[in-house]
Amino acid sequence: MKTPQDIVLKPVITERSMDALQTGKYTFKVDKNANKIEIKNAVEKLFDVSVAKVNTMNCQGRTKRVGSSIGKKADWKKAIVTLKEDSKTIEFFDGMI
């Protein structure tokens, strides 16, 4: 059994994700093997909010080149969590809007 801290790894802070905060959408980097139900339960438990919807996407790691050698960054999974209208905001993101 995974703990919520094992499922939700860290927030994704980009211009697009900061614009989505006004509509109640929060973006997180999550465990690659986690499904939408596990992500929903983890976010509700960690931040004490009500989740309406979870959208996930698998992001491919980019190829990086250093000199003559070529490597690849790890693949990862991104989750966009939409909160219910009557739910409070997540305090972690309050100062970033």
PDB file of N, CA and C in Angstrom:
ATOM      1  N   MET A   1       0.842  -1.191   0.000  1.00  0.00           N
ATOM      2  CA  MET A   1       0.000   0.000   0.000  1.00  0.00           C
ATOM      3  C   MET A   1       0.879   1.242   0.000  1.00  0.00           C
ATOM      4  N   LYS A   2       0.619   2.124  -0.935  1.00  0.00           N
ATOM      5  CA  LYS A   2       1.396   3.349  -1.043  1.00  0.00           C
ATOM      6  C   LYS A   2       0.791   4.432  -0.162  1.00  0.00           C
ATOM      7  N   THR A   3       1.645   5.252   0.392  1.00  0.00           N
ATOM      8  CA  THR A   3       1.182   6.405   1.160  1.00  0.00           C
ATOM      9  C   THR A   3       0.917   7.555   0.201  1.00  0.00           C
ATOM     10  N   PRO A   4       0.141   8.559   0.615  1.00  0.00           N
ATOM     11  CA  PRO A   4      -0.106   9.705  -0.277  1.00  0.00           C
ATOM     12  C   PRO A   4       1.172  10.426  -0.699  1.00  0.00           C
ATOM     13  N   GLN A   5       2.191  10.430   0.171  1.00  0.00           N
ATOM     14  CA  GLN A   5       3.454  11.075  -0.180  1.00  0.00           C
ATOM     15  C   GLN A   5       4.204  10.303  -1.262  1.00  0.00           C
ATOM     16  N   ASP A   6       3.954   9.009  -1.393  1.00  0.00           N
ATOM     17  CA  ASP A   6       4.576   8.214  -2.447  1.00  0.00           C
ATOM     18  C   ASP A   6       3.882   8.427  -3.787  1.00  0.00           C
ATOM     19  N   ILE A   7       2.624   8.838  -3.770  1.00  0.00           N
ATOM     20  CA  ILE A   7       1.863   9.018  -5.009  1.00  0.00           C
ATOM     21  C   ILE A   7       2.062  10.423  -5.566  1.00  0.00           C
ATOM     22  N   VAL A   8       1.840  11.451  -4.750  1.00  0.00           N
ATOM     23  CA  VAL A   8       2.022  12.845  -5.175  1.00  0.00           C
ATOM     24  C   VAL A   8       3.460  13.217  -4.859  1.00  0.00           C
ATOM     25  N   LEU A   9       4.291  13.381  -5.897  1.00  0.00           N
ATOM     26  CA  LEU A   9       5.716  13.601  -5.677  1.00  0.00           C
ATOM     27  C   LEU A   9       6.060  15.075  -5.470  1.00  0.00           C
ATOM     28  N   LYS A  10       5.600  15.940  -6.375  1.00  0.00           N
ATOM     29  CA  LYS A  10       5.884  17.369  -6.230  1.00  0.00           C
ATOM     30  C   LYS A  10       4.969  18.167  -7.145  1.00  0.00           C
ATOM     31  N   PRO A  11       4.782  19.460  -6.860  1.00  0.00           N
ATOM     32  CA  PRO A  11       3.954  20.287  -7.743  1.00  0.00           C
ATOM     33  C   PRO A  11       4.736  20.677  -8.997  1.00  0.00           C
ATOM     34  N   VAL A  12       4.009  20.886 -10.068  1.00  0.00           N
ATOM     35  CA  VAL A  12       4.607  21.376 -11.314  1.00  0.00           C
ATOM     36  C   VAL A  12       4.329  22.873 -11.376  1.00  0.00           C
ATOM     37  N   ILE A  13       5.385  23.664 -11.410  1.00  0.00           N
ATOM     38  CA  ILE A  13       5.232  25.119 -11.388  1.00  0.00           C
ATOM     39  C   ILE A  13       5.729  25.669 -12.727  1.00  0.00           C
ATOM     40  N   THR A  14       4.794  25.946 -13.616  1.00  0.00           N
ATOM     41  CA  THR A  14       5.083  26.549 -14.915  1.00  0.00           C
ATOM     42  C   THR A  14       4.093  27.690 -15.127  1.00  0.00           C
ATOM     43  N   GLU A  15       4.281  28.452 -16.187  1.00  0.00           N
ATOM     44  CA  GLU A  15       3.354  29.542 -16.486  1.00  0.00           C
ATOM     45  C   GLU A  15       1.954  29.010 -16.744  1.00  0.00           C
ATOM     46  N   ARG A  16       1.851  27.932 -17.471  1.00  0.00           N
ATOM     47  CA  ARG A  16       0.539  27.361 -17.795  1.00  0.00           C
ATOM     48  C   ARG A  16      -0.156  26.838 -16.541  1.00  0.00           C
ATOM     49  N   SER A  17       0.592  26.178 -15.660  1.00  0.00           N
ATOM     50  CA  SER A  17      -0.036  25.661 -14.442  1.00  0.00           C
ATOM     51  C   SER A  17      -0.428  26.787 -13.489  1.00  0.00           C
ATOM     52  N   MET A  18       0.317  27.888 -13.480  1.00  0.00           N
ATOM     53  CA  MET A  18      -0.049  29.027 -12.636  1.00  0.00           C
ATOM     54  C   MET A  18      -1.302  29.729 -13.178  1.00  0.00           C
ATOM     55  N   ASP A  19      -1.479  29.762 -14.494  1.00  0.00           N
ATOM     56  CA  ASP A  19      -2.695  30.336 -15.070  1.00  0.00           C
ATOM     57  C   ASP A  19      -3.918  29.472 -14.750  1.00  0.00           C
ATOM     58  N   ALA A  20      -3.719  28.165 -14.640  1.00  0.00           N
ATOM     59  CA  ALA A  20      -4.829  27.262 -14.363  1.00  0.00           C
ATOM     60  C   ALA A  20      -5.293  27.330 -12.908  1.00  0.00           C
ATOM     61  N   LEU A  21      -4.509  27.945 -12.039  1.00  0.00           N
ATOM     62  CA  LEU A  21      -4.903  28.055 -10.633  1.00  0.00           C
ATOM     63  C   LEU A  21      -6.168  28.890 -10.458  1.00  0.00           C
ATOM     64  N   GLN A  22      -6.405  29.857 -11.338  1.00  0.00           N
ATOM     65  CA  GLN A  22      -7.602  30.686 -11.227  1.00  0.00           C
ATOM     66  C   GLN A  22      -8.876  29.873 -11.452  1.00  0.00           C
ATOM     67  N   THR A  23      -8.796  28.784 -12.187  1.00  0.00           N
ATOM     68  CA  THR A  23      -9.968  27.945 -12.443  1.00  0.00           C
ATOM     69  C   THR A  23     -10.048  26.756 -11.488  1.00  0.00           C
ATOM     70  N   GLY A  24      -9.161  26.709 -10.495  1.00  0.00           N
ATOM     71  CA  GLY A  24      -9.202  25.624  -9.515  1.00  0.00           C
ATOM     72  C   GLY A  24      -8.511  24.357  -9.966  1.00  0.00           C
ATOM     73  N   LYS A  25      -7.542  24.463 -10.881  1.00  0.00           N
ATOM     74  CA  LYS A  25      -6.809  23.298 -11.364  1.00  0.00           C
ATOM     75  C   LYS A  25      -5.372  23.357 -10.855  1.00  0.00           C
ATOM     76  N   TYR A  26      -4.926  22.258 -10.254  1.00  0.00           N
ATOM     77  CA  TYR A  26      -3.588  22.163  -9.689  1.00  0.00           C
ATOM     78  C   TYR A  26      -2.843  21.039 -10.389  1.00  0.00           C
ATOM     79  N   THR A  27      -1.566  21.263 -10.699  1.00  0.00           N
ATOM     80  CA  THR A  27      -0.771  20.304 -11.458  1.00  0.00           C
ATOM     81  C   THR A  27       0.300  19.700 -10.555  1.00  0.00           C
ATOM     82  N   PHE A  28       0.419  18.362 -10.599  1.00  0.00           N
ATOM     83  CA  PHE A  28       1.381  17.650  -9.780  1.00  0.00           C
ATOM     84  C   PHE A  28       2.128  16.619 -10.606  1.00  0.00           C
ATOM     85  N   LYS A  29       3.378  16.362 -10.216  1.00  0.00           N
ATOM     86  CA  LYS A  29       4.118  15.220 -10.741  1.00  0.00           C
ATOM     87  C   LYS A  29       3.787  14.056  -9.827  1.00  0.00           C
ATOM     88  N   VAL A  30       3.327  12.940 -10.417  1.00  0.00           N
ATOM     89  CA  VAL A  30       2.863  11.806  -9.621  1.00  0.00           C
ATOM     90  C   VAL A  30       3.628  10.539 -10.012  1.00  0.00           C
ATOM     91  N   ASP A  31       3.432   9.499  -9.225  1.00  0.00           N
ATOM     92  CA  ASP A  31       4.048   8.202  -9.483  1.00  0.00           C
ATOM     93  C   ASP A  31       3.544   7.651 -10.811  1.00  0.00           C
ATOM     94  N   LYS A  32       4.447   7.055 -11.586  1.00  0.00           N
ATOM     95  CA  LYS A  32       4.072   6.558 -12.918  1.00  0.00           C
ATOM     96  C   LYS A  32       3.027   5.458 -12.870  1.00  0.00           C
ATOM     97  N   ASN A  33       2.985   4.690 -11.796  1.00  0.00           N
ATOM     98  CA  ASN A  33       2.066   3.563 -11.708  1.00  0.00           C
ATOM     99  C   ASN A  33       0.765   3.899 -10.996  1.00  0.00           C
ATOM    100  N   ALA A  34       0.575   5.132 -10.581  1.00  0.00           N
ATOM    101  CA  ALA A  34      -0.643   5.522  -9.858  1.00  0.00           C
ATOM    102  C   ALA A  34      -1.782   5.756 -10.844  1.00  0.00           C
ATOM    103  N   ASN A  35      -2.999   5.352 -10.454  1.00  0.00           N
ATOM    104  CA  ASN A  35      -4.158   5.602 -11.298  1.00  0.00           C
ATOM    105  C   ASN A  35      -4.917   6.819 -10.774  1.00  0.00           C
ATOM    106  N   LYS A  36      -5.991   7.202 -11.456  1.00  0.00           N
ATOM    107  CA  LYS A  36      -6.715   8.425 -11.118  1.00  0.00           C
ATOM    108  C   LYS A  36      -7.366   8.343  -9.734  1.00  0.00           C
ATOM    109  N   ILE A  37      -7.857   7.193  -9.364  1.00  0.00           N
ATOM    110  CA  ILE A  37      -8.504   7.043  -8.061  1.00  0.00           C
ATOM    111  C   ILE A  37      -7.483   7.203  -6.940  1.00  0.00           C
ATOM    112  N   GLU A  38      -6.304   6.601  -7.093  1.00  0.00           N
ATOM    113  CA  GLU A  38      -5.252   6.746  -6.089  1.00  0.00           C
ATOM    114  C   GLU A  38      -4.788   8.193  -5.975  1.00  0.00           C
ATOM    115  N   ILE A  39      -4.674   8.884  -7.108  1.00  0.00           N
ATOM    116  CA  ILE A  39      -4.248  10.282  -7.097  1.00  0.00           C
ATOM    117  C   ILE A  39      -5.293  11.144  -6.399  1.00  0.00           C
ATOM    118  N   LYS A  40      -6.566  10.908  -6.698  1.00  0.00           N
ATOM    119  CA  LYS A  40      -7.646  11.666  -6.069  1.00  0.00           C
ATOM    120  C   LYS A  40      -7.635  11.485  -4.557  1.00  0.00           C
ATOM    121  N   ASN A  41      -7.538  10.242  -4.094  1.00  0.00           N
ATOM    122  CA  ASN A  41      -7.518   9.974  -2.656  1.00  0.00           C
ATOM    123  C   ASN A  41      -6.290  10.579  -1.982  1.00  0.00           C
ATOM    124  N   ALA A  42      -5.140  10.552  -2.651  1.00  0.00           N
ATOM    125  CA  ALA A  42      -3.912  11.094  -2.076  1.00  0.00           C
ATOM    126  C   ALA A  42      -4.000  12.611  -1.924  1.00  0.00           C
ATOM    127  N   VAL A  43      -4.513  13.312  -2.944  1.00  0.00           N
ATOM    128  CA  VAL A  43      -4.628  14.771  -2.880  1.00  0.00           C
ATOM    129  C   VAL A  43      -5.642  15.171  -1.809  1.00  0.00           C
ATOM    130  N   GLU A  44      -6.753  14.453  -1.721  1.00  0.00           N
ATOM    131  CA  GLU A  44      -7.755  14.762  -0.703  1.00  0.00           C
ATOM    132  C   GLU A  44      -7.195  14.563   0.703  1.00  0.00           C
ATOM    133  N   LYS A  45      -6.382  13.534   0.877  1.00  0.00           N
ATOM    134  CA  LYS A  45      -5.818  13.262   2.198  1.00  0.00           C
ATOM    135  C   LYS A  45      -4.696  14.236   2.551  1.00  0.00           C
ATOM    136  N   LEU A  46      -3.841  14.572   1.593  1.00  0.00           N
ATOM    137  CA  LEU A  46      -2.707  15.456   1.867  1.00  0.00           C
ATOM    138  C   LEU A  46      -3.133  16.896   2.138  1.00  0.00           C
ATOM    139  N   PHE A  47      -4.046  17.420   1.328  1.00  0.00           N
ATOM    140  CA  PHE A  47      -4.367  18.845   1.389  1.00  0.00           C
ATOM    141  C   PHE A  47      -5.743  19.140   1.974  1.00  0.00           C
ATOM    142  N   ASP A  48      -6.514  18.124   2.351  1.00  0.00           N
ATOM    143  CA  ASP A  48      -7.838  18.280   2.962  1.00  0.00           C
ATOM    144  C   ASP A  48      -8.772  19.116   2.085  1.00  0.00           C
ATOM    145  N   VAL A  49      -8.915  18.696   0.824  1.00  0.00           N
ATOM    146  CA  VAL A  49      -9.783  19.358  -0.155  1.00  0.00           C
ATOM    147  C   VAL A  49     -10.693  18.316  -0.791  1.00  0.00           C
ATOM    148  N   SER A  50     -11.682  18.784  -1.564  1.00  0.00           N
ATOM    149  CA  SER A  50     -12.567  17.890  -2.311  1.00  0.00           C
ATOM    150  C   SER A  50     -12.198  17.950  -3.789  1.00  0.00           C
ATOM    151  N   VAL A  51     -11.899  16.809  -4.376  1.00  0.00           N
ATOM    152  CA  VAL A  51     -11.467  16.740  -5.771  1.00  0.00           C
ATOM    153  C   VAL A  51     -12.655  16.386  -6.653  1.00  0.00           C
ATOM    154  N   ALA A  52     -12.849  17.148  -7.720  1.00  0.00           N
ATOM    155  CA  ALA A  52     -13.929  16.883  -8.659  1.00  0.00           C
ATOM    156  C   ALA A  52     -13.476  15.965  -9.790  1.00  0.00           C
ATOM    157  N   LYS A  53     -12.257  16.221 -10.327  1.00  0.00           N
ATOM    158  CA  LYS A  53     -11.817  15.493 -11.511  1.00  0.00           C
ATOM    159  C   LYS A  53     -10.299  15.410 -11.517  1.00  0.00           C
ATOM    160  N   VAL A  54      -9.772  14.334 -12.104  1.00  0.00           N
ATOM    161  CA  VAL A  54      -8.332  14.154 -12.257  1.00  0.00           C
ATOM    162  C   VAL A  54      -8.042  13.798 -13.703  1.00  0.00           C
ATOM    163  N   ASN A  55      -7.176  14.559 -14.337  1.00  0.00           N
ATOM    164  CA  ASN A  55      -6.698  14.247 -15.689  1.00  0.00           C
ATOM    165  C   ASN A  55      -5.223  13.894 -15.582  1.00  0.00           C
ATOM    166  N   THR A  56      -4.815  12.818 -16.261  1.00  0.00           N
ATOM    167  CA  THR A  56      -3.420  12.393 -16.201  1.00  0.00           C
ATOM    168  C   THR A  56      -2.836  12.330 -17.601  1.00  0.00           C
ATOM    169  N   MET A  57      -1.527  12.475 -17.661  1.00  0.00           N
ATOM    170  CA  MET A  57      -0.820  12.311 -18.932  1.00  0.00           C
ATOM    171  C   MET A  57       0.580  11.794 -18.662  1.00  0.00           C
ATOM    172  N   ASN A  58       1.031  10.908 -19.533  1.00  0.00           N
ATOM    173  CA  ASN A  58       2.381  10.382 -19.449  1.00  0.00           C
ATOM    174  C   ASN A  58       3.287  11.266 -20.284  1.00  0.00           C
ATOM    175  N   CYS A  59       4.334  11.805 -19.668  1.00  0.00           N
ATOM    176  CA  CYS A  59       5.270  12.702 -20.344  1.00  0.00           C
ATOM    177  C   CYS A  59       6.550  11.936 -20.647  1.00  0.00           C
ATOM    178  N   GLN A  60       6.994  12.030 -21.881  1.00  0.00           N
ATOM    179  CA  GLN A  60       8.211  11.353 -22.303  1.00  0.00           C
ATOM    180  C   GLN A  60       9.424  12.173 -21.889  1.00  0.00           C
ATOM    181  N   GLY A  61      10.456  11.478 -21.418  1.00  0.00           N
ATOM    182  CA  GLY A  61      11.703  12.145 -21.067  1.00  0.00           C
ATOM    183  C   GLY A  61      12.438  12.590 -22.318  1.00  0.00           C
ATOM    184  N   ARG A  62      13.061  13.731 -22.223  1.00  0.00           N
ATOM    185  CA  ARG A  62      13.756  14.273 -23.392  1.00  0.00           C
ATOM    186  C   ARG A  62      15.141  13.656 -23.541  1.00  0.00           C
ATOM    187  N   THR A  63      15.611  13.628 -24.770  1.00  0.00           N
ATOM    188  CA  THR A  63      16.971  13.173 -25.015  1.00  0.00           C
ATOM    189  C   THR A  63      17.914  14.346 -24.786  1.00  0.00           C
ATOM    190  N   LYS A  64      18.964  14.088 -24.052  1.00  0.00           N
ATOM    191  CA  LYS A  64      19.955  15.112 -23.750  1.00  0.00           C
ATOM    192  C   LYS A  64      21.295  14.670 -24.317  1.00  0.00           C
ATOM    193  N   ARG A  65      22.051  15.643 -24.783  1.00  0.00           N
ATOM    194  CA  ARG A  65      23.349  15.339 -25.361  1.00  0.00           C
ATOM    195  C   ARG A  65      24.415  16.137 -24.625  1.00  0.00           C
ATOM    196  N   VAL A  66      25.450  15.442 -24.173  1.00  0.00           N
ATOM    197  CA  VAL A  66      26.593  16.079 -23.528  1.00  0.00           C
ATOM    198  C   VAL A  66      27.833  15.616 -24.268  1.00  0.00           C
ATOM    199  N   GLY A  67      28.381  16.514 -25.055  1.00  0.00           N
ATOM    200  CA  GLY A  67      29.540  16.137 -25.860  1.00  0.00           C
ATOM    201  C   GLY A  67      29.128  15.126 -26.915  1.00  0.00           C
ATOM    202  N   SER A  68      29.824  14.003 -26.955  1.00  0.00           N
ATOM    203  CA  SER A  68      29.504  12.995 -27.963  1.00  0.00           C
ATOM    204  C   SER A  68      28.544  11.926 -27.434  1.00  0.00           C
ATOM    205  N   SER A  69      28.240  11.959 -26.154  1.00  0.00           N
ATOM    206  CA  SER A  69      27.351  10.929 -25.606  1.00  0.00           C
ATOM    207  C   SER A  69      25.911  11.434 -25.554  1.00  0.00           C
ATOM    208  N   ILE A  70      24.975  10.513 -25.768  1.00  0.00           N
ATOM    209  CA  ILE A  70      23.556  10.839 -25.780  1.00  0.00           C
ATOM    210  C   ILE A  70      22.889  10.079 -24.636  1.00  0.00           C
ATOM    211  N   GLY A  71      22.069  10.771 -23.876  1.00  0.00           N
ATOM    212  CA  GLY A  71      21.343  10.151 -22.774  1.00  0.00           C
ATOM    213  C   GLY A  71      19.877  10.527 -22.848  1.00  0.00           C
ATOM    214  N   LYS A  72      19.095   9.996 -21.934  1.00  0.00           N
ATOM    215  CA  LYS A  72      17.663  10.257 -21.918  1.00  0.00           C
ATOM    216  C   LYS A  72      17.223  10.515 -20.493  1.00  0.00           C
ATOM    217  N   LYS A  73      16.414  11.557 -20.303  1.00  0.00           N
ATOM    218  CA  LYS A  73      15.825  11.815 -18.993  1.00  0.00           C
ATOM    219  C   LYS A  73      14.692  10.822 -18.754  1.00  0.00           C
ATOM    220  N   ALA A  74      14.334  10.638 -17.513  1.00  0.00           N
ATOM    221  CA  ALA A  74      13.325   9.645 -17.161  1.00  0.00           C
ATOM    222  C   ALA A  74      11.937  10.089 -17.600  1.00  0.00           C
ATOM    223  N   ASP A  75      11.084   9.122 -17.972  1.00  0.00           N
ATOM    224  CA  ASP A  75       9.688   9.405 -18.257  1.00  0.00           C
ATOM    225  C   ASP A  75       8.974   9.676 -16.935  1.00  0.00           C
ATOM    226  N   TRP A  76       7.897  10.483 -16.980  1.00  0.00           N
ATOM    227  CA  TRP A  76       7.172  10.811 -15.758  1.00  0.00           C
ATOM    228  C   TRP A  76       5.700  11.018 -16.066  1.00  0.00           C
ATOM    229  N   LYS A  77       4.898  11.093 -15.021  1.00  0.00           N
ATOM    230  CA  LYS A  77       3.455  11.232 -15.164  1.00  0.00           C
ATOM    231  C   LYS A  77       3.010  12.529 -14.501  1.00  0.00           C
ATOM    232  N   LYS A  78       2.119  13.242 -15.194  1.00  0.00           N
ATOM    233  CA  LYS A  78       1.601  14.512 -14.695  1.00  0.00           C
ATOM    234  C   LYS A  78       0.103  14.368 -14.469  1.00  0.00           C
ATOM    235  N   ALA A  79      -0.374  14.939 -13.353  1.00  0.00           N
ATOM    236  CA  ALA A  79      -1.794  14.903 -13.035  1.00  0.00           C
ATOM    237  C   ALA A  79      -2.298  16.329 -12.848  1.00  0.00           C
ATOM    238  N   ILE A  80      -3.413  16.655 -13.508  1.00  0.00           N
ATOM    239  CA  ILE A  80      -4.074  17.941 -13.335  1.00  0.00           C
ATOM    240  C   ILE A  80      -5.337  17.677 -12.528  1.00  0.00           C
ATOM    241  N   VAL A  81      -5.372  18.210 -11.317  1.00  0.00           N
ATOM    242  CA  VAL A  81      -6.451  17.942 -10.368  1.00  0.00           C
ATOM    243  C   VAL A  81      -7.370  19.151 -10.324  1.00  0.00           C
ATOM    244  N   THR A  82      -8.660  18.942 -10.594  1.00  0.00           N
ATOM    245  CA  THR A  82      -9.661  19.997 -10.527  1.00  0.00           C
ATOM    246  C   THR A  82     -10.426  19.856  -9.219  1.00  0.00           C
ATOM    247  N   LEU A  83     -10.482  20.950  -8.459  1.00  0.00           N
ATOM    248  CA  LEU A  83     -11.189  20.941  -7.188  1.00  0.00           C
ATOM    249  C   LEU A  83     -12.653  21.287  -7.397  1.00  0.00           C
ATOM    250  N   LYS A  84     -13.501  20.860  -6.444  1.00  0.00           N
ATOM    251  CA  LYS A  84     -14.915  21.207  -6.490  1.00  0.00           C
ATOM    252  C   LYS A  84     -15.078  22.688  -6.181  1.00  0.00           C
ATOM    253  N   GLU A  85     -16.202  23.246  -6.612  1.00  0.00           N
ATOM    254  CA  GLU A  85     -16.454  24.682  -6.439  1.00  0.00           C
ATOM    255  C   GLU A  85     -16.483  25.090  -4.966  1.00  0.00           C
ATOM    256  N   ASP A  86     -17.073  24.256  -4.112  1.00  0.00           N
ATOM    257  CA  ASP A  86     -17.205  24.619  -2.703  1.00  0.00           C
ATOM    258  C   ASP A  86     -15.967  24.275  -1.880  1.00  0.00           C
ATOM    259  N   SER A  87     -14.942  23.702  -2.498  1.00  0.00           N
ATOM    260  CA  SER A  87     -13.738  23.312  -1.784  1.00  0.00           C
ATOM    261  C   SER A  87     -12.820  24.506  -1.581  1.00  0.00           C
ATOM    262  N   LYS A  88     -12.022  24.455  -0.521  1.00  0.00           N
ATOM    263  CA  LYS A  88     -11.057  25.524  -0.281  1.00  0.00           C
ATOM    264  C   LYS A  88      -9.841  25.332  -1.182  1.00  0.00           C
ATOM    265  N   THR A  89      -8.974  26.329  -1.231  1.00  0.00           N
ATOM    266  CA  THR A  89      -7.780  26.239  -2.061  1.00  0.00           C
ATOM    267  C   THR A  89      -6.678  25.504  -1.304  1.00  0.00           C
ATOM    268  N   ILE A  90      -5.660  25.088  -2.031  1.00  0.00           N
ATOM    269  CA  ILE A  90      -4.501  24.438  -1.425  1.00  0.00           C
ATOM    270  C   ILE A  90      -3.549  25.535  -0.976  1.00  0.00           C
ATOM    271  N   GLU A  91      -3.179  25.536   0.319  1.00  0.00           N
ATOM    272  CA  GLU A  91      -2.390  26.622   0.882  1.00  0.00           C
ATOM    273  C   GLU A  91      -0.995  26.723   0.264  1.00  0.00           C
ATOM    274  N   PHE A  92      -0.458  25.599  -0.220  1.00  0.00           N
ATOM    275  CA  PHE A  92       0.886  25.618  -0.803  1.00  0.00           C
ATOM    276  C   PHE A  92       0.968  26.591  -1.975  1.00  0.00           C
ATOM    277  N   PHE A  93      -0.114  26.720  -2.759  1.00  0.00           N
ATOM    278  CA  PHE A  93      -0.109  27.536  -3.958  1.00  0.00           C
ATOM    279  C   PHE A  93      -0.610  28.962  -3.715  1.00  0.00           C
ATOM    280  N   ASP A  94      -1.036  29.313  -2.488  1.00  0.00           N
ATOM    281  CA  ASP A  94      -1.663  30.602  -2.243  1.00  0.00           C
ATOM    282  C   ASP A  94      -0.764  31.790  -2.572  1.00  0.00           C
ATOM    283  N   GLY A  95       0.497  31.737  -2.249  1.00  0.00           N
ATOM    284  CA  GLY A  95       1.389  32.864  -2.501  1.00  0.00           C
ATOM    285  C   GLY A  95       1.858  32.983  -3.939  1.00  0.00           C
ATOM    286  N   MET A  96       1.527  32.031  -4.786  1.00  0.00           N
ATOM    287  CA  MET A  96       2.043  32.024  -6.156  1.00  0.00           C
ATOM    288  C   MET A  96       1.096  32.621  -7.176  1.00  0.00           C
ATOM    289  N   ILE A  97      -0.134  32.905  -6.798  1.00  0.00           N
ATOM    290  CA  ILE A  97      -1.101  33.419  -7.758  1.00  0.00           C
ATOM    291  C   ILE A  97      -0.839  34.873  -8.031  1.00  0.00           C
TER     292      ILE A  97
END
